[in-house]
Amino acid sequence: MLTKIFGKKSDHPMAEIKSAQALLEDLPKNDVHKLLMELTEWIESVSENNDFNLDHHFAVLRLLDEAAQTHIRKLSREYFTPNEPGKFQENRMWLVLGNLSRHTAQGYYKVFERYCNEKTGNTIKAQLPLLLVRTVNAIAVQLKFISVRYGHVDKAIWENLARVFSHAELHECMDTPANLYPSIAGNTSVKFEIGRLLGWYGCGVNTLKPLYMHLTERLVAQYCTDIDVHSQQGEHDLFSFDLNRPSAPKRVKVETGTNPSTRYVNMTGMKSKLEALIQTLGKKVVPGELTIGVGYSPELMLEASQYLLNYITSPPVRRSVRRSVKIDMNVVQGFANTLERTNTGLNFNQQKPDQWQIEDISANGFRTVLPAQASEGIRIGSLLGVQPAGVQNWGVAVVRRMMRDDMDQLHVGAEMLTNQVTPVALVQGGEGGSAFEDGQTALWLYDKPGELDGAARLLMKTDTFASDCSLLSELNGEDYLLIPSKVLDRCLDCDLVQFRLIKQEGSSGHL
C-alpha cells in the first residue's frame, strides 16, 4: 500500500503525512529563529528525497511552507522595522529568512520539474495552478532577501521563472484563480504573481533602502491585480521580460518590433489606486484595507507610495552621458568624517581616507567597483566625502545605487551633490529649533554660479533642521540670514536642506 501511495518505500521521517504533522508539533514554538531553521532543514531534506511519490512530495512541502508563514511574518516585521536592528541581529535574521526563502523556492521548483518530467496522477494535475503560484511567490520572496543585501541574482532564478511562465501559458492557466495560502483571503493567479514580481523588481530595487524595498513590495502585492502582463507591446508598457533569454526585467523605451518570446508589463492600472492612497496618507491616516503590517507610519507609507507612483508615471532617465574613465579618488564615509576632512582646524582624524578608482563618470555622478572587504558599511543614502586626485577641494556625494556581481564585488553608483563644500558655524536667528544647538557646524554646498543670490543648500546633522527657526552664518567674510525653506533629501546621518538667503547689511564676517 505504501508503495502505491508513496512510490518506493521510504524510511524518511516525513514519508507519511501523520508523521510529518507530528514532527511539526514538536517544533520549538517559543524560539522563532530555531523553528524556522528547523523548517528550512526539513524543506531541504524533503526536496532532496527522490523516494516520495510526487503527490506526497508536494503535500509535505506545502505543509512545511504553511507552518512557516506565521513565523516568517513575525520575523519579517522585526527585520523590516523603521528602527533598524543592530548589525548582529540584522545579520542573524537575514540568514534565517534568506536561507528559508532560497530553499522554499528551490523546493517548489523541484516539484514543478518533477511534474513536467513525470507522468502524474490527476491529484497534482488538478493542483497545477496552486503549484505555479506558490513557485512564483517563493521566487519573489527569494529575490527580496537577495535584494536587501544588494546581492547578485543568479541567472538560474530568471530561467526558472521563465519556464514556469511558459508552462502556465502553454497550459492556459495564467488566469486560473488559486488561494496562495489558507491564511490569506481571496485568490491570486500566475499572471498576478508574475506581474507583482516583475513590476516590483523592475522599479529600481537596487536604488532603495531595505525598508523601502519591503514597503514597495507590499504595495505592489496589494495592487498586483491591476498589473497587466501580455505579449503585444503597448504604448504604456513599463517593463519587458524575454522568455527565451530570461534576465531581470528591462525598461521599455521605444517600440522595437514584436518579439514572439517577449512579454510586457503594464502598471498604469495601479496609478489611480496609488493616487487615492497618497491622498489618504497625506491626512496622516493609514487605510485599514492595506495589508502591509503594523508599525509603519503614514509618513513612511507616503514616501514608498510616492516613489512607486513617480516611477510608474515618469520613470527616471539618465540625465547625462556616462563616460568611461579611470580616476583615483580619496573617499570618507559619513557626515562627521566629511566634516573633519573639510575643516582643517578640527581634523583630529589621523586615519587615511579610502582610495577608490572610479570606473566611469557623468555630469551628475560616478560609478566604482569595490571588492567585498572594502564595501563594509556602505549603504543606499550613505554620504561620501570625495576628493579626486590632484584636486584640493573636497566635494560630497550620496550613494544612490548598489549591486553585487557574481564575484561579490560591489558596484556603487553615487550622485554628486557638489564639487566643493566648506564648513560653516550656525547660530539661531530667532525662536524655535528645539533640536538645534548654537555653534553647530554644517557643510555649505557650493554649486552653480549665482547660487548665493537667493538660495543655499546645507548638510546638517539629522533632525536639527526646523522650519520655524532662522539661522545666522558667515561665508567668505559675509554674514547671512538663512530662512528655512525645505528638506531636499535625507541621508543616513545628515539632512540636505535648503534656505533662502538674506545678506546682512554692514556685515563684518563675525556674527
Protein backbone atom coordinates (compact mmCIF):
# COMPACT_ATOMS: atom_id res chain seq x y z
CA MET A 1 0.00 0.00 0.00
CA LEU A 2 2.81 2.41 0.90
CA THR A 3 4.50 1.68 -2.39
CA LYS A 4 1.32 2.52 -4.24
CA ILE A 5 0.85 5.80 -2.40
CA PHE A 6 4.41 7.00 -1.91
CA GLY A 7 6.28 5.19 -4.64
CA LYS A 8 9.34 3.30 -3.42
CA LYS A 9 9.12 2.59 0.30
CA SER A 10 10.93 5.28 2.24
CA ASP A 11 12.21 5.46 5.80
CA HIS A 12 12.21 9.26 5.71
CA PRO A 13 10.60 10.77 8.85
CA MET A 14 8.08 12.55 6.64
CA ALA A 15 7.17 9.57 4.50
CA GLU A 16 3.66 9.80 5.95
CA ILE A 17 1.55 12.92 6.47
CA LYS A 18 0.71 11.94 10.03
CA SER A 19 4.37 11.60 10.98
CA ALA A 20 5.09 14.93 9.27
CA GLN A 21 2.33 16.60 11.27
CA ALA A 22 3.67 15.07 14.48
CA LEU A 23 7.15 16.43 13.76
CA LEU A 24 5.69 19.90 13.24
CA GLU A 25 4.02 19.72 16.64
CA ASP A 26 7.45 19.21 18.23
CA LEU A 27 8.99 22.36 16.74
CA PRO A 28 10.36 24.91 19.29
CA LYS A 29 7.49 27.40 19.04
CA ASN A 30 8.99 29.72 21.68
CA ASP A 31 12.10 30.34 19.53
CA VAL A 32 11.18 31.66 16.07
CA HIS A 33 14.78 31.60 14.80
CA LYS A 34 15.30 27.95 15.75
CA LEU A 35 11.85 26.97 14.48
CA LEU A 36 12.44 28.47 11.04
CA MET A 37 15.92 26.98 10.86
CA GLU A 38 14.48 23.53 11.55
CA LEU A 39 11.75 24.03 8.95
CA THR A 40 14.42 25.06 6.44
CA GLU A 41 16.30 21.81 7.13
CA TRP A 42 13.11 19.78 6.65
CA ILE A 43 12.27 21.57 3.38
CA GLU A 44 15.78 20.91 2.11
CA SER A 45 15.57 17.27 3.18
CA VAL A 46 12.19 16.71 1.53
CA SER A 47 13.32 18.43 -1.68
CA GLU A 48 16.37 16.20 -1.97
CA ASN A 49 14.40 12.99 -1.36
CA ASN A 50 13.57 11.16 -4.59
CA ASP A 51 11.65 8.28 -2.98
CA PHE A 52 8.44 10.22 -2.42
CA ASN A 53 5.55 9.98 -4.80
CA LEU A 54 5.10 13.40 -6.45
CA ASP A 55 1.71 13.96 -4.81
CA HIS A 56 3.23 13.34 -1.39
CA HIS A 57 6.28 15.47 -2.19
CA PHE A 58 4.02 18.44 -2.98
CA ALA A 59 1.75 17.82 0.01
CA VAL A 60 4.62 17.72 2.52
CA LEU A 61 6.31 20.80 1.04
CA ARG A 62 3.02 22.71 1.30
CA LEU A 63 2.59 21.56 4.88
CA LEU A 64 6.07 22.78 5.86
CA ASP A 65 5.70 26.06 3.97
CA GLU A 66 2.31 26.82 5.53
CA ALA A 67 3.66 26.02 9.00
CA ALA A 68 6.36 28.64 8.48
CA GLN A 69 4.15 31.53 7.31
CA THR A 70 3.06 32.97 10.67
CA HIS A 71 6.62 32.89 11.96
CA ILE A 72 8.02 34.39 8.74
CA ARG A 73 5.65 37.33 9.11
CA LYS A 74 6.71 37.83 12.73
CA LEU A 75 10.44 37.78 11.98
CA SER A 76 9.99 39.93 8.86
CA ARG A 77 8.28 42.61 10.97
CA GLU A 78 11.34 42.63 13.23
CA TYR A 79 13.69 42.76 10.24
CA PHE A 80 11.87 45.46 8.27
CA THR A 81 11.40 47.88 11.12
CA PRO A 82 11.67 51.69 10.96
CA ASN A 83 14.10 51.44 13.88
CA GLU A 84 16.86 49.40 12.30
CA PRO A 85 18.04 46.38 14.32
CA GLY A 86 21.66 46.12 15.42
CA LYS A 87 24.15 44.60 13.00
CA PHE A 88 24.30 41.23 14.80
CA GLN A 89 20.52 40.89 15.00
CA GLU A 90 20.05 42.05 11.41
CA ASN A 91 22.57 39.52 10.14
CA ARG A 92 21.04 36.71 12.20
CA MET A 93 17.51 37.41 10.91
CA TRP A 94 18.69 37.77 7.31
CA LEU A 95 20.46 34.42 7.42
CA VAL A 96 17.34 32.69 8.73
CA LEU A 97 14.90 34.35 6.35
CA GLY A 98 17.26 34.26 3.37
CA ASN A 99 18.08 30.56 3.72
CA LEU A 100 14.43 29.65 4.18
CA SER A 101 13.33 31.67 1.13
CA ARG A 102 16.05 30.09 -1.03
CA HIS A 103 15.24 26.50 -0.06
CA THR A 104 11.50 27.10 -0.35
CA ALA A 105 11.89 28.47 -3.88
CA GLN A 106 14.15 25.57 -4.84
CA GLY A 107 11.72 23.11 -3.25
CA TYR A 108 8.70 24.28 -5.24
CA TYR A 109 10.71 24.45 -8.45
CA LYS A 110 11.86 20.86 -7.86
CA VAL A 111 8.21 19.75 -7.62
CA PHE A 112 7.46 21.70 -10.81
CA GLU A 113 10.36 20.00 -12.61
CA ARG A 114 9.17 16.58 -11.50
CA TYR A 115 5.65 17.40 -12.66
CA CYS A 116 6.95 18.34 -16.10
CA ASN A 117 9.16 15.25 -16.39
CA GLU A 118 6.98 12.54 -14.86
CA LYS A 119 3.61 11.07 -15.71
CA THR A 120 1.46 12.23 -12.83
CA GLY A 121 -1.93 11.37 -11.46
CA ASN A 122 -4.99 13.58 -11.53
CA THR A 123 -4.40 14.86 -7.98
CA ILE A 124 -1.42 17.11 -8.65
CA LYS A 125 -2.66 17.97 -12.16
CA ALA A 126 -5.75 19.47 -10.56
CA GLN A 127 -3.46 21.46 -8.25
CA LEU A 128 -1.25 22.83 -11.03
CA PRO A 129 -2.41 26.50 -10.61
CA LEU A 130 -1.56 26.32 -6.88
CA LEU A 131 1.86 24.79 -7.62
CA LEU A 132 2.65 27.53 -10.13
CA VAL A 133 1.53 30.47 -7.94
CA ARG A 134 3.42 29.03 -4.96
CA THR A 135 6.55 28.66 -7.12
CA VAL A 136 6.41 32.22 -8.45
CA ASN A 137 5.65 33.62 -4.99
CA ALA A 138 8.59 31.71 -3.50
CA ILE A 139 10.91 33.08 -6.20
CA ALA A 140 9.67 36.61 -5.41
CA VAL A 141 10.44 36.18 -1.70
CA GLN A 142 13.87 34.75 -2.54
CA LEU A 143 14.59 37.79 -4.73
CA LYS A 144 13.51 40.10 -1.92
CA PHE A 145 16.04 38.72 0.55
CA ILE A 146 18.80 38.77 -2.06
CA SER A 147 17.92 42.37 -2.86
CA VAL A 148 18.03 43.67 0.73
CA ARG A 149 21.74 42.82 0.70
CA TYR A 150 22.11 44.12 -2.89
CA GLY A 151 23.24 40.63 -3.77
CA HIS A 152 23.97 39.01 -7.10
CA VAL A 153 20.90 37.38 -8.66
CA ASP A 154 21.86 34.10 -10.29
CA LYS A 155 20.58 33.83 -13.86
CA ALA A 156 19.02 30.46 -12.91
CA ILE A 157 16.35 32.38 -10.96
CA TRP A 158 15.18 34.20 -14.09
CA GLU A 159 15.44 30.99 -16.13
CA ASN A 160 13.25 29.14 -13.60
CA LEU A 161 10.70 31.96 -13.66
CA ALA A 162 10.63 31.88 -17.48
CA ARG A 163 9.97 28.12 -17.50
CA VAL A 164 7.09 28.45 -15.07
CA PHE A 165 5.76 31.41 -17.08
CA SER A 166 5.93 29.46 -20.36
CA HIS A 167 4.30 26.38 -18.82
CA ALA A 168 1.40 28.43 -17.47
CA GLU A 169 0.83 29.98 -20.89
CA LEU A 170 1.10 26.66 -22.70
CA HIS A 171 -1.44 25.00 -20.41
CA GLU A 172 -3.69 28.08 -20.37
CA CYS A 173 -3.73 28.57 -16.62
CA MET A 174 -2.24 32.06 -16.36
CA ASP A 175 -5.58 33.42 -15.15
CA THR A 176 -6.82 30.40 -13.19
CA PRO A 177 -7.62 31.53 -9.63
CA ALA A 178 -5.82 29.90 -6.70
CA ASN A 179 -5.65 30.66 -2.99
CA LEU A 180 -1.99 31.37 -2.22
CA TYR A 181 -2.20 30.42 1.48
CA PRO A 182 -5.10 29.43 3.75
CA SER A 183 -4.29 32.44 5.96
CA ILE A 184 -4.71 34.89 3.04
CA ALA A 185 -8.21 35.84 1.97
CA GLY A 186 -9.10 35.82 -1.71
CA ASN A 187 -7.41 34.32 -4.74
CA THR A 188 -4.45 35.13 -6.91
CA SER A 189 -3.20 33.77 -10.24
CA VAL A 190 0.04 33.06 -12.04
CA LYS A 191 -0.44 36.26 -14.04
CA PHE A 192 -0.90 38.37 -10.89
CA GLU A 193 2.12 36.81 -9.15
CA ILE A 194 4.38 37.25 -12.19
CA GLY A 195 3.18 40.84 -12.64
CA ARG A 196 3.90 41.52 -8.98
CA LEU A 197 7.43 40.07 -9.18
CA LEU A 198 8.46 41.77 -12.43
CA GLY A 199 6.74 45.05 -11.56
CA TRP A 200 8.32 45.34 -8.12
CA TYR A 201 11.81 44.24 -9.13
CA GLY A 202 11.79 46.48 -12.17
CA CYS A 203 11.03 49.64 -10.17
CA GLY A 204 14.64 50.38 -9.23
CA VAL A 205 15.05 47.92 -6.35
CA ASN A 206 18.81 48.47 -6.16
CA THR A 207 18.24 52.20 -5.52
CA LEU A 208 16.13 51.62 -2.39
CA LYS A 209 16.96 51.10 1.25
CA PRO A 210 15.85 47.67 2.57
CA LEU A 211 12.85 49.09 4.44
CA TYR A 212 11.56 50.75 1.27
CA MET A 213 12.19 47.56 -0.70
CA HIS A 214 9.80 45.86 1.72
CA LEU A 215 7.18 48.61 1.66
CA THR A 216 7.15 48.90 -2.13
CA GLU A 217 6.99 45.11 -2.49
CA ARG A 218 3.98 45.00 -0.16
CA LEU A 219 2.30 47.83 -2.05
CA VAL A 220 2.83 46.13 -5.42
CA ALA A 221 1.47 42.89 -3.93
CA GLN A 222 -1.57 44.83 -2.67
CA TYR A 223 -2.37 46.13 -6.16
CA CYS A 224 -0.98 43.33 -8.34
CA THR A 225 -4.46 42.64 -9.78
CA ASP A 226 -4.09 46.00 -11.56
CA ILE A 227 -0.86 44.94 -13.32
CA ASP A 228 -1.25 43.59 -16.85
CA VAL A 229 1.16 41.11 -18.45
CA HIS A 230 0.77 40.50 -22.19
CA SER A 231 2.56 39.54 -25.40
CA GLN A 232 1.93 42.60 -27.59
CA GLN A 233 3.83 45.79 -26.77
CA GLY A 234 1.62 48.72 -25.88
CA GLU A 235 2.17 52.44 -25.54
CA HIS A 236 2.23 52.47 -21.73
CA ASP A 237 4.18 49.27 -21.08
CA LEU A 238 6.91 49.76 -18.50
CA PHE A 239 8.98 46.54 -18.49
CA SER A 240 9.75 43.61 -20.76
CA PHE A 241 10.78 40.02 -19.99
CA ASP A 242 12.13 37.65 -22.62
CA LEU A 243 11.07 34.02 -22.10
CA ASN A 244 13.82 32.72 -24.40
CA ARG A 245 16.62 34.87 -22.97
CA PRO A 246 15.46 35.49 -19.40
CA SER A 247 17.10 38.16 -17.28
CA ALA A 248 15.97 40.95 -14.95
CA PRO A 249 13.01 42.93 -16.34
CA LYS A 250 14.13 45.68 -18.72
CA ARG A 251 12.65 49.12 -19.18
CA VAL A 252 10.62 49.52 -22.36
CA LYS A 253 11.89 52.66 -24.09
CA VAL A 254 10.74 52.66 -27.70
CA GLU A 255 8.88 50.16 -29.83
CA THR A 256 11.42 47.85 -31.40
CA GLY A 257 9.04 45.46 -33.12
CA THR A 258 7.25 42.44 -31.76
CA ASN A 259 9.38 39.58 -30.45
CA PRO A 260 7.30 36.40 -30.03
CA SER A 261 9.15 35.42 -26.85
CA THR A 262 8.90 38.83 -25.12
CA ARG A 263 6.21 39.63 -22.56
CA TYR A 264 5.37 43.16 -21.44
CA VAL A 265 4.34 44.57 -18.06
CA ASN A 266 1.92 47.48 -17.77
CA MET A 267 1.46 49.06 -14.32
CA THR A 268 -0.71 52.06 -15.22
CA GLY A 269 -3.69 50.34 -13.59
CA MET A 270 -2.03 50.97 -10.22
CA LYS A 271 -1.87 54.72 -10.80
CA SER A 272 -5.35 55.67 -9.57
CA LYS A 273 -5.02 53.33 -6.57
CA LEU A 274 -1.73 54.90 -5.54
CA GLU A 275 -3.06 58.42 -6.04
CA ALA A 276 -6.03 57.70 -3.78
CA LEU A 277 -3.74 56.06 -1.21
CA ILE A 278 -1.36 59.03 -1.23
CA GLN A 279 -4.26 61.41 -0.67
CA THR A 280 -5.36 59.40 2.38
CA LEU A 281 -1.83 59.05 3.76
CA GLY A 282 -1.40 62.81 3.38
CA LYS A 283 -4.12 63.14 6.02
CA LYS A 284 -1.95 61.06 8.41
CA VAL A 285 -4.23 58.05 8.04
CA VAL A 286 -3.19 54.51 7.03
CA PRO A 287 -6.19 52.81 5.34
CA GLY A 288 -7.38 49.70 7.13
CA GLU A 289 -7.51 47.70 3.90
CA LEU A 290 -3.72 47.91 3.43
CA THR A 291 -2.10 44.54 4.16
CA ILE A 292 1.35 45.99 4.86
CA GLY A 293 1.59 45.13 8.54
CA VAL A 294 1.59 47.23 11.67
CA GLY A 295 4.20 49.70 12.85
CA TYR A 296 4.60 51.77 9.70
CA SER A 297 3.74 55.45 9.97
CA PRO A 298 1.68 57.31 7.36
CA GLU A 299 4.81 59.31 6.51
CA LEU A 300 6.79 56.14 5.67
CA MET A 301 3.95 54.70 3.63
CA LEU A 302 3.56 58.02 1.84
CA GLU A 303 7.22 58.06 0.78
CA ALA A 304 7.04 54.47 -0.52
CA SER A 305 3.74 55.09 -2.35
CA GLN A 306 5.03 58.31 -3.91
CA TYR A 307 8.18 56.53 -5.08
CA LEU A 308 6.11 53.90 -6.91
CA LEU A 309 3.74 56.45 -8.39
CA ASN A 310 6.65 58.56 -9.65
CA TYR A 311 8.29 55.51 -11.21
CA ILE A 312 5.10 54.38 -12.94
CA THR A 313 4.15 57.87 -14.12
CA SER A 314 7.55 59.20 -15.12
CA PRO A 315 10.35 56.61 -14.90
CA PRO A 316 13.77 58.10 -14.10
CA VAL A 317 16.07 58.73 -17.06
CA ARG A 318 19.79 59.25 -17.22
CA ARG A 319 20.36 63.00 -17.18
CA SER A 320 23.84 63.00 -18.69
CA VAL A 321 26.17 60.80 -20.71
CA ARG A 322 28.33 58.37 -18.76
CA ARG A 323 31.99 58.30 -19.81
CA SER A 324 34.45 55.50 -19.11
CA VAL A 325 37.45 56.94 -17.32
CA LYS A 326 39.86 55.86 -14.59
CA ILE A 327 40.18 58.39 -11.76
CA ASP A 328 41.70 57.84 -8.32
CA MET A 329 39.67 59.39 -5.52
CA ASN A 330 40.05 59.88 -1.77
CA VAL A 331 36.81 58.89 -0.04
CA VAL A 332 35.49 59.09 3.53
CA GLN A 333 32.08 57.90 4.68
CA GLY A 334 29.59 59.80 6.80
CA PHE A 335 28.84 63.37 7.78
CA ALA A 336 31.26 63.57 10.72
CA ASN A 337 34.21 62.19 8.74
CA THR A 338 33.49 64.54 5.83
CA LEU A 339 33.27 67.48 8.20
CA GLU A 340 36.66 66.61 9.69
CA ARG A 341 38.27 66.45 6.26
CA THR A 342 36.90 69.81 5.16
CA ASN A 343 37.62 71.65 8.41
CA THR A 344 41.39 71.58 8.85
CA GLY A 345 41.09 73.23 12.23
CA LEU A 346 39.11 70.28 13.55
CA ASN A 347 40.81 67.47 11.69
CA PHE A 348 41.81 65.17 14.55
CA ASN A 349 41.26 62.03 12.50
CA GLN A 350 44.62 60.59 11.55
CA GLN A 351 43.08 57.69 9.60
CA LYS A 352 43.80 57.92 5.89
CA PRO A 353 40.83 58.16 3.54
CA ASP A 354 39.92 55.14 1.41
CA GLN A 355 41.28 55.01 -2.12
CA TRP A 356 38.66 54.34 -4.80
CA GLN A 357 39.19 54.01 -8.52
CA ILE A 358 36.30 55.48 -10.47
CA GLU A 359 35.18 53.39 -13.45
CA ASP A 360 33.03 55.99 -15.18
CA ILE A 361 31.68 59.46 -14.55
CA SER A 362 28.93 61.75 -15.76
CA ALA A 363 27.97 65.35 -15.04
CA ASN A 364 25.87 64.15 -12.11
CA GLY A 365 27.82 61.30 -10.55
CA PHE A 366 30.17 58.37 -10.82
CA ARG A 367 30.40 54.58 -10.55
CA THR A 368 33.02 52.43 -8.88
CA VAL A 369 33.52 48.73 -8.21
CA LEU A 370 34.69 47.71 -4.74
CA PRO A 371 35.96 44.33 -3.53
CA ALA A 372 33.89 42.69 -0.79
CA GLN A 373 36.32 43.61 2.00
CA ALA A 374 36.28 47.31 1.03
CA SER A 375 32.50 47.72 0.93
CA GLU A 376 31.71 47.32 4.62
CA GLY A 377 29.19 49.82 5.91
CA ILE A 378 28.25 51.34 2.55
CA ARG A 379 24.51 51.68 2.11
CA ILE A 380 21.96 53.49 -0.01
CA GLY A 381 21.88 57.03 1.37
CA SER A 382 25.46 56.98 2.69
CA LEU A 383 27.13 60.41 2.48
CA LEU A 384 30.57 60.35 0.87
CA GLY A 385 33.25 62.98 1.17
CA VAL A 386 35.17 62.80 -2.11
CA GLN A 387 38.42 64.32 -3.35
CA PRO A 388 39.63 63.38 -6.85
CA ALA A 389 43.39 63.01 -7.27
CA GLY A 390 45.09 66.35 -7.88
CA VAL A 391 42.13 68.39 -6.58
CA GLN A 392 42.50 70.44 -3.40
CA ASN A 393 38.82 70.77 -2.51
CA TRP A 394 36.54 68.15 -1.05
CA GLY A 395 33.12 67.54 -2.55
CA VAL A 396 30.19 65.41 -1.38
CA ALA A 397 28.19 62.62 -2.98
CA VAL A 398 25.38 60.29 -1.91
CA VAL A 399 25.20 56.56 -2.69
CA ARG A 400 22.12 56.01 -4.89
CA ARG A 401 22.59 52.53 -6.34
CA MET A 402 24.29 49.31 -5.27
CA MET A 403 24.53 45.81 -6.72
CA ARG A 404 26.88 42.86 -6.27
CA ASP A 405 28.21 40.82 -9.16
CA ASP A 406 28.98 37.11 -9.28
CA MET A 407 32.46 37.78 -7.83
CA ASP A 408 30.95 39.51 -4.76
CA GLN A 409 32.26 42.88 -5.92
CA LEU A 410 30.01 45.80 -5.06
CA HIS A 411 29.07 48.18 -7.88
CA VAL A 412 28.34 51.58 -6.33
CA GLY A 413 26.65 54.44 -8.12
CA ALA A 414 26.78 57.84 -6.41
CA GLU A 415 25.21 61.21 -7.17
CA MET A 416 27.48 64.23 -6.82
CA LEU A 417 25.84 66.94 -4.73
CA THR A 418 28.66 69.40 -5.28
CA ASN A 419 32.36 69.51 -6.12
CA GLN A 420 33.16 71.83 -3.22
CA VAL A 421 31.92 72.21 0.34
CA THR A 422 33.04 74.37 3.22
CA PRO A 423 32.21 74.08 6.92
CA VAL A 424 30.22 76.93 8.49
CA ALA A 425 29.02 77.61 12.03
CA LEU A 426 25.28 78.13 12.52
CA VAL A 427 23.65 80.30 15.17
CA GLN A 428 19.94 80.64 15.84
CA GLY A 429 18.49 83.83 14.47
CA GLY A 430 15.16 83.58 16.28
CA GLU A 431 12.88 81.38 18.38
CA GLY A 432 12.20 77.69 17.70
CA GLY A 433 14.53 74.92 16.61
CA SER A 434 14.49 72.93 19.85
CA ALA A 435 16.82 70.27 18.35
CA PHE A 436 19.31 72.89 17.24
CA GLU A 437 22.45 73.74 19.20
CA ASP A 438 24.09 77.13 18.70
CA GLY A 439 27.52 76.84 17.16
CA GLN A 440 26.63 73.65 15.28
CA THR A 441 28.80 73.10 12.24
CA ALA A 442 27.24 72.37 8.88
CA LEU A 443 28.55 71.88 5.35
CA TRP A 444 27.74 74.64 2.88
CA LEU A 445 27.46 73.28 -0.65
CA TYR A 446 28.90 75.42 -3.44
CA ASP A 447 27.03 74.91 -6.64
CA LYS A 448 26.45 76.80 -9.83
CA PRO A 449 27.49 80.44 -10.13
CA GLY A 450 24.85 82.71 -8.70
CA GLU A 451 23.65 80.32 -6.01
CA LEU A 452 24.19 82.93 -3.30
CA ASP A 453 21.78 85.37 -4.91
CA GLY A 454 18.81 83.77 -3.22
CA ALA A 455 19.25 80.19 -2.02
CA ALA A 456 21.74 77.89 -0.37
CA ARG A 457 22.00 74.15 0.30
CA LEU A 458 23.48 72.91 3.56
CA LEU A 459 24.16 69.49 5.04
CA MET A 460 23.13 69.43 8.70
CA LYS A 461 23.06 66.78 11.39
CA THR A 462 19.96 64.61 11.17
CA ASP A 463 16.75 66.13 12.55
CA THR A 464 18.26 69.51 13.51
CA PHE A 465 16.55 71.44 10.71
CA ALA A 466 13.44 73.29 11.90
CA SER A 467 11.03 75.02 9.54
CA ASP A 468 10.32 77.69 12.19
CA CYS A 469 13.94 78.55 13.05
CA SER A 470 16.00 81.04 11.03
CA LEU A 471 19.77 80.77 11.33
CA LEU A 472 22.75 83.07 11.01
CA SER A 473 26.01 82.10 9.36
CA GLU A 474 29.12 83.58 7.77
CA LEU A 475 30.68 82.65 4.44
CA ASN A 476 33.66 84.27 2.74
CA GLY A 477 33.61 87.24 5.12
CA GLU A 478 29.90 87.94 4.63
CA ASP A 479 27.11 87.42 7.17
CA TYR A 480 23.85 85.82 6.07
CA LEU A 481 20.41 85.23 7.49
CA LEU A 482 19.23 81.75 6.49
CA ILE A 483 15.46 81.43 6.30
CA PRO A 484 14.36 77.76 6.29
CA SER A 485 12.79 76.54 3.08
CA LYS A 486 12.62 72.69 2.90
CA VAL A 487 14.40 69.38 3.36
CA LEU A 488 15.68 68.29 -0.05
CA ASP A 489 16.95 64.84 0.93
CA ARG A 490 17.65 62.68 3.96
CA CYS A 491 20.97 60.85 4.05
CA LEU A 492 21.77 58.23 6.68
CA ASP A 493 23.34 60.61 9.19
CA CYS A 494 22.51 64.09 7.88
CA ASP A 495 19.87 66.09 6.02
CA LEU A 496 20.30 68.12 2.86
CA VAL A 497 18.30 71.29 3.43
CA GLN A 498 17.58 74.46 1.51
CA PHE A 499 17.48 78.02 2.88
CA ARG A 500 16.60 81.38 1.44
CA LEU A 501 19.49 83.81 1.89
CA ILE A 502 19.45 87.41 3.04
CA LYS A 503 22.79 89.16 3.17
CA GLN A 504 23.21 91.19 6.35
CA GLU A 505 23.94 94.86 5.70
CA GLY A 506 27.21 96.14 7.11
CA SER A 507 28.32 92.57 7.85
CA SER A 508 31.81 92.21 9.22
CA GLY A 509 32.14 88.46 8.87
CA HIS A 510 31.80 87.99 12.65
CA LEU A 511 28.36 87.00 13.94
